[in-house]
N, C-alpha and C. Protein backbone atom coordinates (compact mmCIF):
# COMPACT_ATOMS: atom_id res chain seq x y z
N UNK A 1 17.12 -24.52 15.69
CA UNK A 1 16.99 -23.08 15.66
C UNK A 1 15.64 -22.66 15.11
N UNK A 2 15.25 -23.21 13.98
CA UNK A 2 14.01 -22.79 13.36
C UNK A 2 12.80 -23.34 14.10
N UNK A 3 12.98 -24.36 14.93
CA UNK A 3 11.87 -24.96 15.63
C UNK A 3 11.38 -24.11 16.79
N UNK A 4 12.16 -23.20 17.29
CA UNK A 4 11.71 -22.40 18.42
C UNK A 4 11.19 -21.02 18.00
N UNK A 5 10.93 -20.82 16.74
CA UNK A 5 10.35 -19.57 16.26
C UNK A 5 8.84 -19.77 16.13
N UNK A 6 8.09 -18.87 16.70
CA UNK A 6 6.65 -18.86 16.47
C UNK A 6 6.39 -18.19 15.13
N UNK A 7 5.32 -18.57 14.47
CA UNK A 7 5.05 -17.97 13.15
C UNK A 7 4.73 -16.48 13.28
N UNK A 8 4.11 -16.07 14.38
CA UNK A 8 3.83 -14.64 14.56
C UNK A 8 5.13 -13.85 14.78
N UNK A 9 6.10 -14.45 15.47
CA UNK A 9 7.38 -13.76 15.65
C UNK A 9 8.13 -13.65 14.34
N UNK A 10 8.11 -14.71 13.54
CA UNK A 10 8.77 -14.67 12.23
C UNK A 10 8.09 -13.65 11.32
N UNK A 11 6.76 -13.63 11.32
CA UNK A 11 6.02 -12.68 10.50
C UNK A 11 6.27 -11.25 11.00
N UNK A 12 6.34 -11.06 12.31
CA UNK A 12 6.65 -9.74 12.86
C UNK A 12 8.04 -9.27 12.47
N UNK A 13 9.00 -10.22 12.43
CA UNK A 13 10.36 -9.84 12.01
C UNK A 13 10.38 -9.43 10.53
N UNK A 14 9.62 -10.13 9.71
CA UNK A 14 9.53 -9.73 8.31
C UNK A 14 8.88 -8.36 8.15
N UNK A 15 7.82 -8.11 8.93
CA UNK A 15 7.19 -6.79 8.90
C UNK A 15 8.15 -5.69 9.35
N UNK A 16 8.91 -5.99 10.39
CA UNK A 16 9.87 -5.01 10.87
C UNK A 16 10.92 -4.69 9.80
N UNK A 17 11.33 -5.71 9.06
CA UNK A 17 12.30 -5.48 7.99
C UNK A 17 11.73 -4.62 6.87
N UNK A 18 10.40 -4.58 6.74
CA UNK A 18 9.79 -3.70 5.75
C UNK A 18 9.55 -2.31 6.33
N UNK A 19 8.93 -2.24 7.51
CA UNK A 19 8.49 -0.96 8.04
C UNK A 19 9.62 -0.09 8.58
N UNK A 20 10.65 -0.68 9.13
CA UNK A 20 11.73 0.15 9.70
C UNK A 20 12.36 1.03 8.63
N UNK A 21 12.85 0.49 7.51
CA UNK A 21 13.45 1.42 6.54
C UNK A 21 12.43 2.30 5.83
N UNK A 22 11.26 1.75 5.50
CA UNK A 22 10.28 2.51 4.74
C UNK A 22 9.75 3.71 5.52
N UNK A 23 9.31 3.48 6.74
CA UNK A 23 8.74 4.56 7.53
C UNK A 23 9.81 5.49 8.08
N UNK A 24 11.02 5.01 8.28
CA UNK A 24 12.11 5.89 8.72
C UNK A 24 12.46 6.88 7.62
N UNK A 25 12.57 6.38 6.40
CA UNK A 25 12.88 7.28 5.27
C UNK A 25 11.78 8.32 5.08
N UNK A 26 10.51 7.88 5.15
CA UNK A 26 9.40 8.82 4.99
C UNK A 26 9.38 9.86 6.10
N UNK A 27 9.65 9.44 7.33
CA UNK A 27 9.66 10.39 8.45
C UNK A 27 10.83 11.36 8.37
N UNK A 28 12.00 10.87 7.98
CA UNK A 28 13.16 11.75 7.89
C UNK A 28 13.02 12.74 6.73
N UNK A 29 12.34 12.35 5.68
CA UNK A 29 12.12 13.31 4.59
C UNK A 29 11.21 14.45 5.04
N UNK A 30 10.27 14.15 5.92
CA UNK A 30 9.43 15.21 6.47
C UNK A 30 10.25 16.10 7.39
N UNK A 31 11.12 15.51 8.20
CA UNK A 31 11.90 16.31 9.14
C UNK A 31 12.93 17.18 8.45
N UNK A 32 13.53 16.67 7.38
CA UNK A 32 14.56 17.43 6.68
C UNK A 32 13.95 18.57 5.85
N UNK A 33 12.96 18.24 5.06
CA UNK A 33 12.30 19.25 4.23
C UNK A 33 10.79 19.05 4.32
N UNK A 34 10.14 19.72 5.27
CA UNK A 34 8.73 19.43 5.53
C UNK A 34 7.82 19.63 4.32
N UNK A 35 7.97 20.68 3.59
CA UNK A 35 7.06 20.93 2.48
C UNK A 35 7.28 19.98 1.31
N UNK A 36 8.50 19.59 1.08
CA UNK A 36 8.77 18.64 0.02
C UNK A 36 8.46 17.22 0.46
N UNK A 37 8.75 16.88 1.73
CA UNK A 37 8.54 15.54 2.23
C UNK A 37 7.09 15.14 2.36
N UNK A 38 6.22 16.11 2.66
CA UNK A 38 4.81 15.75 2.84
C UNK A 38 4.09 15.49 1.53
N UNK A 39 4.64 15.92 0.42
CA UNK A 39 3.98 15.70 -0.86
C UNK A 39 4.48 14.44 -1.56
N UNK A 40 5.19 13.57 -0.85
CA UNK A 40 5.55 12.27 -1.40
C UNK A 40 4.44 11.29 -1.10
N UNK A 41 4.40 10.20 -1.84
CA UNK A 41 3.27 9.26 -1.79
C UNK A 41 2.89 8.78 -0.40
N UNK A 42 3.83 8.37 0.47
CA UNK A 42 3.40 7.87 1.78
C UNK A 42 2.79 8.93 2.70
N UNK A 43 3.03 10.20 2.42
CA UNK A 43 2.61 11.26 3.33
C UNK A 43 1.56 12.21 2.75
N UNK A 44 1.26 12.08 1.48
CA UNK A 44 0.45 13.08 0.81
C UNK A 44 -1.01 13.07 1.27
N UNK A 45 -1.50 11.97 1.77
CA UNK A 45 -2.91 11.89 2.17
C UNK A 45 -3.23 12.88 3.29
N UNK A 46 -2.34 12.97 4.27
CA UNK A 46 -2.58 13.88 5.38
C UNK A 46 -2.61 15.32 4.91
N UNK A 47 -1.67 15.69 4.09
CA UNK A 47 -1.56 17.08 3.64
C UNK A 47 -2.76 17.49 2.78
N UNK A 48 -3.12 16.65 1.83
CA UNK A 48 -4.25 16.99 0.97
C UNK A 48 -5.56 17.05 1.77
N UNK A 49 -5.73 16.14 2.71
CA UNK A 49 -6.93 16.16 3.54
C UNK A 49 -7.00 17.42 4.39
N UNK A 50 -5.88 17.77 5.02
CA UNK A 50 -5.86 18.96 5.86
C UNK A 50 -6.08 20.23 5.04
N UNK A 51 -5.49 20.29 3.85
CA UNK A 51 -5.66 21.47 3.02
C UNK A 51 -7.07 21.56 2.43
N UNK A 52 -7.63 20.43 1.99
CA UNK A 52 -8.94 20.44 1.34
C UNK A 52 -10.10 20.57 2.31
N UNK A 53 -10.05 19.85 3.41
CA UNK A 53 -11.21 19.79 4.29
C UNK A 53 -11.12 20.72 5.49
N UNK A 54 -9.93 20.98 5.99
CA UNK A 54 -9.80 21.84 7.16
C UNK A 54 -9.24 23.21 6.83
N UNK A 55 -8.76 23.42 5.63
CA UNK A 55 -8.18 24.67 5.15
C UNK A 55 -7.19 25.26 6.14
N UNK A 56 -6.21 24.43 6.51
CA UNK A 56 -5.17 24.88 7.42
C UNK A 56 -4.08 25.61 6.65
N UNK A 57 -3.38 26.46 7.34
CA UNK A 57 -2.27 27.17 6.74
C UNK A 57 -1.05 26.29 6.60
N UNK A 58 -0.01 26.84 6.02
CA UNK A 58 1.21 26.08 5.76
C UNK A 58 1.87 25.62 7.04
N UNK A 59 2.03 26.48 8.01
CA UNK A 59 2.70 26.10 9.26
C UNK A 59 1.89 25.08 10.05
N UNK A 60 0.59 25.19 10.04
CA UNK A 60 -0.24 24.19 10.73
C UNK A 60 -0.14 22.83 10.04
N UNK A 61 -0.10 22.83 8.74
CA UNK A 61 0.05 21.58 7.99
C UNK A 61 1.41 20.95 8.28
N UNK A 62 2.45 21.76 8.35
CA UNK A 62 3.79 21.25 8.66
C UNK A 62 3.81 20.67 10.07
N UNK A 63 3.14 21.30 11.00
CA UNK A 63 3.09 20.76 12.37
C UNK A 63 2.41 19.41 12.41
N UNK A 64 1.31 19.26 11.68
CA UNK A 64 0.64 17.95 11.62
C UNK A 64 1.51 16.92 10.91
N UNK A 65 2.26 17.35 9.93
CA UNK A 65 3.16 16.42 9.24
C UNK A 65 4.28 15.97 10.17
N UNK A 66 4.80 16.89 10.99
CA UNK A 66 5.82 16.48 11.97
C UNK A 66 5.23 15.53 13.00
N UNK A 67 3.97 15.75 13.38
CA UNK A 67 3.31 14.83 14.30
C UNK A 67 3.16 13.44 13.69
N UNK A 68 2.85 13.38 12.40
CA UNK A 68 2.76 12.10 11.72
C UNK A 68 4.15 11.44 11.64
N UNK A 69 5.18 12.22 11.38
CA UNK A 69 6.54 11.68 11.35
C UNK A 69 6.94 11.14 12.72
N UNK A 70 6.55 11.83 13.78
CA UNK A 70 6.82 11.35 15.13
C UNK A 70 6.11 10.03 15.39
N UNK A 71 4.86 9.92 14.93
CA UNK A 71 4.12 8.67 15.08
C UNK A 71 4.76 7.54 14.33
N UNK A 72 5.22 7.80 13.12
CA UNK A 72 5.89 6.76 12.35
C UNK A 72 7.21 6.34 12.98
N UNK A 73 7.94 7.29 13.53
CA UNK A 73 9.19 6.94 14.20
C UNK A 73 8.93 6.17 15.49
N UNK A 74 7.81 6.42 16.14
CA UNK A 74 7.44 5.64 17.33
C UNK A 74 7.19 4.19 16.95
N UNK A 75 6.47 3.98 15.84
CA UNK A 75 6.22 2.62 15.35
C UNK A 75 7.54 1.94 14.99
N UNK A 76 8.42 2.67 14.35
CA UNK A 76 9.73 2.13 13.99
C UNK A 76 10.51 1.73 15.24
N UNK A 77 10.43 2.56 16.30
CA UNK A 77 11.14 2.24 17.54
C UNK A 77 10.60 0.96 18.17
N UNK A 78 9.27 0.77 18.16
CA UNK A 78 8.70 -0.45 18.72
C UNK A 78 9.10 -1.67 17.89
N UNK A 79 9.14 -1.53 16.57
CA UNK A 79 9.61 -2.64 15.74
C UNK A 79 11.07 -2.96 16.03
N UNK A 80 11.90 -1.93 16.25
CA UNK A 80 13.32 -2.16 16.55
C UNK A 80 13.48 -2.87 17.90
N UNK A 81 12.69 -2.48 18.88
CA UNK A 81 12.73 -3.15 20.18
C UNK A 81 12.29 -4.61 20.02
N UNK A 82 11.27 -4.83 19.22
CA UNK A 82 10.82 -6.20 18.95
C UNK A 82 11.94 -7.03 18.33
N UNK A 83 12.64 -6.48 17.35
CA UNK A 83 13.74 -7.21 16.74
C UNK A 83 14.86 -7.50 17.72
N UNK A 84 15.14 -6.57 18.63
CA UNK A 84 16.16 -6.82 19.65
C UNK A 84 15.72 -7.95 20.58
N UNK A 85 14.44 -7.98 20.93
CA UNK A 85 13.95 -9.05 21.80
C UNK A 85 13.95 -10.40 21.12
N UNK A 86 13.75 -10.44 19.82
CA UNK A 86 13.70 -11.73 19.12
C UNK A 86 15.09 -12.35 18.96
N UNK A 87 16.14 -11.59 19.19
CA UNK A 87 17.47 -12.19 19.07
C UNK A 87 17.77 -13.14 20.22
N UNK A 88 17.07 -13.01 21.30
CA UNK A 88 17.25 -13.90 22.44
C UNK A 88 16.17 -14.97 22.43
N UNK A 89 16.58 -16.22 22.36
CA UNK A 89 15.62 -17.33 22.23
C UNK A 89 14.70 -17.45 23.43
N UNK A 90 15.19 -17.21 24.64
CA UNK A 90 14.34 -17.37 25.83
C UNK A 90 13.22 -16.32 25.85
N UNK A 91 13.52 -15.11 25.42
CA UNK A 91 12.48 -14.06 25.36
C UNK A 91 11.50 -14.37 24.26
N UNK A 92 11.99 -14.80 23.11
CA UNK A 92 11.13 -15.12 21.97
C UNK A 92 10.20 -16.28 22.27
N UNK A 93 10.71 -17.32 22.90
CA UNK A 93 9.89 -18.50 23.19
C UNK A 93 8.84 -18.23 24.25
N UNK A 94 9.16 -17.39 25.21
CA UNK A 94 8.20 -17.11 26.27
C UNK A 94 7.16 -16.08 25.84
N UNK A 95 7.34 -15.47 24.69
CA UNK A 95 6.39 -14.46 24.20
C UNK A 95 6.67 -13.08 24.77
N UNK A 96 7.85 -12.86 25.28
CA UNK A 96 8.21 -11.56 25.86
C UNK A 96 8.32 -10.45 24.84
N UNK A 97 8.45 -10.81 23.60
CA UNK A 97 8.59 -9.79 22.55
C UNK A 97 7.25 -9.40 21.96
N UNK A 98 6.18 -10.07 22.36
CA UNK A 98 4.86 -9.80 21.78
C UNK A 98 4.33 -8.42 22.15
N UNK A 99 4.72 -7.89 23.30
CA UNK A 99 4.22 -6.57 23.69
C UNK A 99 4.74 -5.48 22.77
N UNK A 100 6.02 -5.53 22.47
CA UNK A 100 6.58 -4.50 21.57
C UNK A 100 5.98 -4.64 20.18
N UNK A 101 5.80 -5.88 19.71
CA UNK A 101 5.18 -6.09 18.41
C UNK A 101 3.73 -5.62 18.42
N UNK A 102 3.02 -5.87 19.50
CA UNK A 102 1.62 -5.45 19.58
C UNK A 102 1.49 -3.92 19.57
N UNK A 103 2.38 -3.24 20.26
CA UNK A 103 2.35 -1.77 20.24
C UNK A 103 2.66 -1.23 18.84
N UNK A 104 3.66 -1.82 18.20
CA UNK A 104 4.00 -1.39 16.83
C UNK A 104 2.83 -1.63 15.89
N UNK A 105 2.21 -2.79 16.01
CA UNK A 105 1.08 -3.11 15.13
C UNK A 105 -0.14 -2.23 15.42
N UNK A 106 -0.39 -1.95 16.68
CA UNK A 106 -1.54 -1.11 17.03
C UNK A 106 -1.38 0.32 16.52
N UNK A 107 -0.24 0.92 16.83
CA UNK A 107 -0.01 2.31 16.37
C UNK A 107 0.12 2.38 14.85
N UNK A 108 0.82 1.41 14.27
CA UNK A 108 0.99 1.40 12.82
C UNK A 108 -0.33 1.18 12.09
N UNK A 109 -1.18 0.33 12.62
CA UNK A 109 -2.49 0.10 12.02
C UNK A 109 -3.35 1.37 12.08
N UNK A 110 -3.27 2.06 13.21
CA UNK A 110 -4.03 3.32 13.33
C UNK A 110 -3.55 4.35 12.32
N UNK A 111 -2.24 4.49 12.18
CA UNK A 111 -1.69 5.47 11.24
C UNK A 111 -2.06 5.09 9.81
N UNK A 112 -1.92 3.82 9.46
CA UNK A 112 -2.25 3.39 8.10
C UNK A 112 -3.73 3.52 7.81
N UNK A 113 -4.58 3.19 8.79
CA UNK A 113 -6.01 3.29 8.59
C UNK A 113 -6.44 4.74 8.42
N UNK A 114 -5.91 5.62 9.27
CA UNK A 114 -6.26 7.05 9.15
C UNK A 114 -5.76 7.61 7.83
N UNK A 115 -4.56 7.23 7.42
CA UNK A 115 -4.03 7.71 6.14
C UNK A 115 -4.84 7.18 4.97
N UNK A 116 -5.30 5.92 5.08
CA UNK A 116 -6.12 5.34 4.01
C UNK A 116 -7.46 6.07 3.89
N UNK A 117 -8.08 6.39 5.01
CA UNK A 117 -9.36 7.10 4.99
C UNK A 117 -9.17 8.51 4.42
N UNK A 118 -8.10 9.19 4.83
CA UNK A 118 -7.84 10.53 4.31
C UNK A 118 -7.56 10.50 2.82
N UNK A 119 -6.82 9.49 2.36
CA UNK A 119 -6.53 9.39 0.93
C UNK A 119 -7.79 9.10 0.14
N UNK A 120 -8.70 8.31 0.70
CA UNK A 120 -9.96 8.02 0.01
C UNK A 120 -10.82 9.27 -0.08
N UNK A 121 -10.79 10.11 0.96
CA UNK A 121 -11.57 11.35 0.94
C UNK A 121 -11.09 12.35 -0.10
N UNK A 122 -9.78 12.35 -0.39
CA UNK A 122 -9.26 13.32 -1.36
C UNK A 122 -9.08 12.71 -2.75
N UNK A 123 -9.40 11.42 -2.91
CA UNK A 123 -9.38 10.79 -4.23
C UNK A 123 -8.02 10.35 -4.74
N UNK A 124 -7.15 9.93 -3.87
CA UNK A 124 -5.82 9.44 -4.26
C UNK A 124 -5.83 7.91 -4.25
N UNK A 125 -6.13 7.29 -5.37
CA UNK A 125 -6.30 5.83 -5.44
C UNK A 125 -4.99 5.09 -5.16
N UNK A 126 -3.88 5.54 -5.68
CA UNK A 126 -2.60 4.87 -5.45
C UNK A 126 -2.19 4.92 -3.98
N UNK A 127 -2.48 6.01 -3.31
CA UNK A 127 -2.15 6.15 -1.90
C UNK A 127 -3.08 5.28 -1.06
N UNK A 128 -4.34 5.16 -1.46
CA UNK A 128 -5.26 4.26 -0.76
C UNK A 128 -4.75 2.83 -0.85
N UNK A 129 -4.29 2.43 -2.02
CA UNK A 129 -3.76 1.07 -2.18
C UNK A 129 -2.52 0.85 -1.32
N UNK A 130 -1.64 1.83 -1.24
CA UNK A 130 -0.44 1.70 -0.42
C UNK A 130 -0.80 1.52 1.05
N UNK A 131 -1.65 2.37 1.57
CA UNK A 131 -1.99 2.29 2.99
C UNK A 131 -2.88 1.09 3.29
N UNK A 132 -3.72 0.68 2.37
CA UNK A 132 -4.52 -0.53 2.58
C UNK A 132 -3.63 -1.76 2.62
N UNK A 133 -2.62 -1.81 1.78
CA UNK A 133 -1.68 -2.94 1.80
C UNK A 133 -0.93 -2.98 3.12
N UNK A 134 -0.44 -1.84 3.59
CA UNK A 134 0.26 -1.80 4.87
C UNK A 134 -0.66 -2.21 6.01
N UNK A 135 -1.90 -1.74 5.98
CA UNK A 135 -2.86 -2.09 7.01
C UNK A 135 -3.16 -3.59 7.02
N UNK A 136 -3.34 -4.18 5.85
CA UNK A 136 -3.61 -5.62 5.78
C UNK A 136 -2.42 -6.45 6.23
N UNK A 137 -1.22 -6.00 5.94
CA UNK A 137 -0.03 -6.69 6.45
C UNK A 137 -0.02 -6.72 7.97
N UNK A 138 -0.30 -5.58 8.57
CA UNK A 138 -0.29 -5.50 10.03
C UNK A 138 -1.44 -6.27 10.65
N UNK A 139 -2.61 -6.20 10.06
CA UNK A 139 -3.76 -6.92 10.63
C UNK A 139 -3.59 -8.43 10.49
N UNK A 140 -2.92 -8.89 9.44
CA UNK A 140 -2.62 -10.30 9.31
C UNK A 140 -1.73 -10.80 10.44
N UNK A 141 -0.77 -10.00 10.83
CA UNK A 141 0.10 -10.38 11.95
C UNK A 141 -0.67 -10.33 13.28
N UNK A 142 -1.59 -9.40 13.41
CA UNK A 142 -2.43 -9.35 14.61
C UNK A 142 -3.25 -10.63 14.73
N UNK A 143 -3.81 -11.09 13.63
CA UNK A 143 -4.59 -12.34 13.64
C UNK A 143 -3.70 -13.52 14.05
N UNK A 144 -2.49 -13.55 13.53
CA UNK A 144 -1.56 -14.62 13.91
C UNK A 144 -1.25 -14.59 15.41
N UNK A 145 -1.04 -13.41 15.96
CA UNK A 145 -0.73 -13.30 17.38
C UNK A 145 -1.91 -13.77 18.22
N UNK A 146 -3.11 -13.39 17.83
CA UNK A 146 -4.29 -13.72 18.62
C UNK A 146 -4.60 -15.21 18.60
N UNK A 147 -4.51 -15.84 17.43
CA UNK A 147 -4.97 -17.22 17.30
C UNK A 147 -3.87 -18.27 17.34
N UNK A 148 -2.63 -17.87 17.44
CA UNK A 148 -1.55 -18.86 17.49
C UNK A 148 -1.44 -19.45 18.89
N UNK A 149 -1.45 -20.77 18.99
CA UNK A 149 -1.32 -21.38 20.33
C UNK A 149 0.10 -21.19 20.86
N UNK A 150 0.27 -21.25 22.17
CA UNK A 150 1.61 -21.07 22.74
C UNK A 150 2.50 -22.25 22.40
N UNK A 151 3.81 -21.99 22.41
CA UNK A 151 4.78 -23.07 22.21
C UNK A 151 4.75 -24.00 23.40
N UNK A 152 5.02 -25.26 23.16
CA UNK A 152 5.10 -26.22 24.25
C UNK A 152 6.55 -26.35 24.70
N UNK A 153 6.75 -26.38 26.00
CA UNK A 153 8.09 -26.61 26.54
C UNK A 153 8.41 -28.09 26.36
N UNK A 154 9.68 -28.39 26.25
CA UNK A 154 10.08 -29.79 26.19
C UNK A 154 9.77 -30.45 27.52
N UNK A 155 9.26 -31.68 27.49
CA UNK A 155 8.88 -32.31 28.74
C UNK A 155 10.10 -32.59 29.61
N UNK A 156 9.92 -32.41 30.89
CA UNK A 156 10.98 -32.74 31.85
C UNK A 156 11.03 -34.25 32.00
N UNK A 157 11.97 -34.75 32.73
CA UNK A 157 12.11 -36.20 32.89
C UNK A 157 10.85 -36.77 33.53
N UNK A 158 10.10 -37.54 32.77
CA UNK A 158 8.90 -38.18 33.25
C UNK A 158 7.67 -37.29 33.28
N UNK A 159 7.79 -36.01 32.89
CA UNK A 159 6.65 -35.09 32.92
C UNK A 159 6.03 -34.97 31.54
N UNK A 160 4.98 -34.18 31.46
CA UNK A 160 4.37 -33.91 30.16
C UNK A 160 4.65 -32.49 29.71
N UNK A 161 4.48 -32.23 28.45
CA UNK A 161 4.79 -30.91 27.88
C UNK A 161 3.81 -29.88 28.43
N UNK A 162 4.34 -28.68 28.71
CA UNK A 162 3.52 -27.60 29.23
C UNK A 162 3.63 -26.40 28.32
N UNK A 163 2.59 -25.56 28.30
CA UNK A 163 2.67 -24.35 27.46
C UNK A 163 3.79 -23.42 27.96
N UNK A 164 4.40 -22.72 27.02
CA UNK A 164 5.49 -21.82 27.38
C UNK A 164 4.98 -20.63 28.18
N UNK A 165 3.77 -20.20 27.89
CA UNK A 165 3.16 -19.10 28.63
C UNK A 165 2.08 -19.68 29.53
N UNK A 166 2.34 -19.80 30.82
CA UNK A 166 1.38 -20.43 31.71
C UNK A 166 0.27 -19.47 32.11
N UNK A 167 0.59 -18.23 32.35
CA UNK A 167 -0.41 -17.30 32.87
C UNK A 167 -0.99 -16.46 31.74
N UNK A 168 -2.30 -16.28 31.79
CA UNK A 168 -2.93 -15.34 30.90
C UNK A 168 -3.36 -15.87 29.56
N UNK A 169 -3.09 -17.11 29.21
CA UNK A 169 -3.52 -17.62 27.92
C UNK A 169 -4.43 -18.82 28.15
N UNK A 170 -5.67 -18.69 27.78
CA UNK A 170 -6.61 -19.77 27.97
C UNK A 170 -7.07 -20.38 26.66
N UNK A 171 -6.79 -19.69 25.55
CA UNK A 171 -7.23 -20.22 24.26
C UNK A 171 -8.73 -20.33 24.21
N UNK A 172 -9.25 -21.49 23.83
CA UNK A 172 -10.68 -21.69 23.75
C UNK A 172 -11.22 -22.50 24.93
N UNK A 173 -10.38 -22.82 25.90
CA UNK A 173 -10.85 -23.57 27.05
C UNK A 173 -11.23 -22.63 28.17
N UNK A 174 -11.88 -23.17 29.17
CA UNK A 174 -12.28 -22.36 30.32
C UNK A 174 -11.08 -22.14 31.25
N UNK A 175 -11.09 -21.07 32.04
CA UNK A 175 -9.96 -20.79 32.90
C UNK A 175 -9.76 -21.84 34.00
N UNK A 176 -10.79 -22.56 34.36
CA UNK A 176 -10.66 -23.51 35.45
C UNK A 176 -10.09 -24.85 35.02
N UNK A 177 -9.95 -25.07 33.71
CA UNK A 177 -9.44 -26.37 33.26
C UNK A 177 -7.95 -26.42 33.21
């Protein structure tokens, strides 16, 4: 069982176990009570940046906060799809779950990076540390996905082992080899 897990899939599952509850709670707090939810630590960078640098009104700030909550829920949905795909060994071994994980990591990295930059602009050191940690977690998984070699299929009778993903992965060799 443990031999057919790629390290990037295992790391993605661990990330999903962190981001699904954390970002869901933060997004639902914004949806339930927008003005109270945006002033909590995971969301405060956007609000302070919008208020300090763009001088937006309350309703405009709430709309941007709802947009951020929608973005976080989108990342959560991609992580949930990734977890559903990893439950099936054939999908996990062939790398079929990597697309959902890549979308979650791409959108989540963008949200965390933008929040980190906004928190740095308004001088919130604790919020910068939170978003930088989340960003580094996601970028570490991206590095694993990019540089991890494909799994080898078990050799058939008298044959040699072949990569699980035949098309589209060349690694460091030339495409003609």
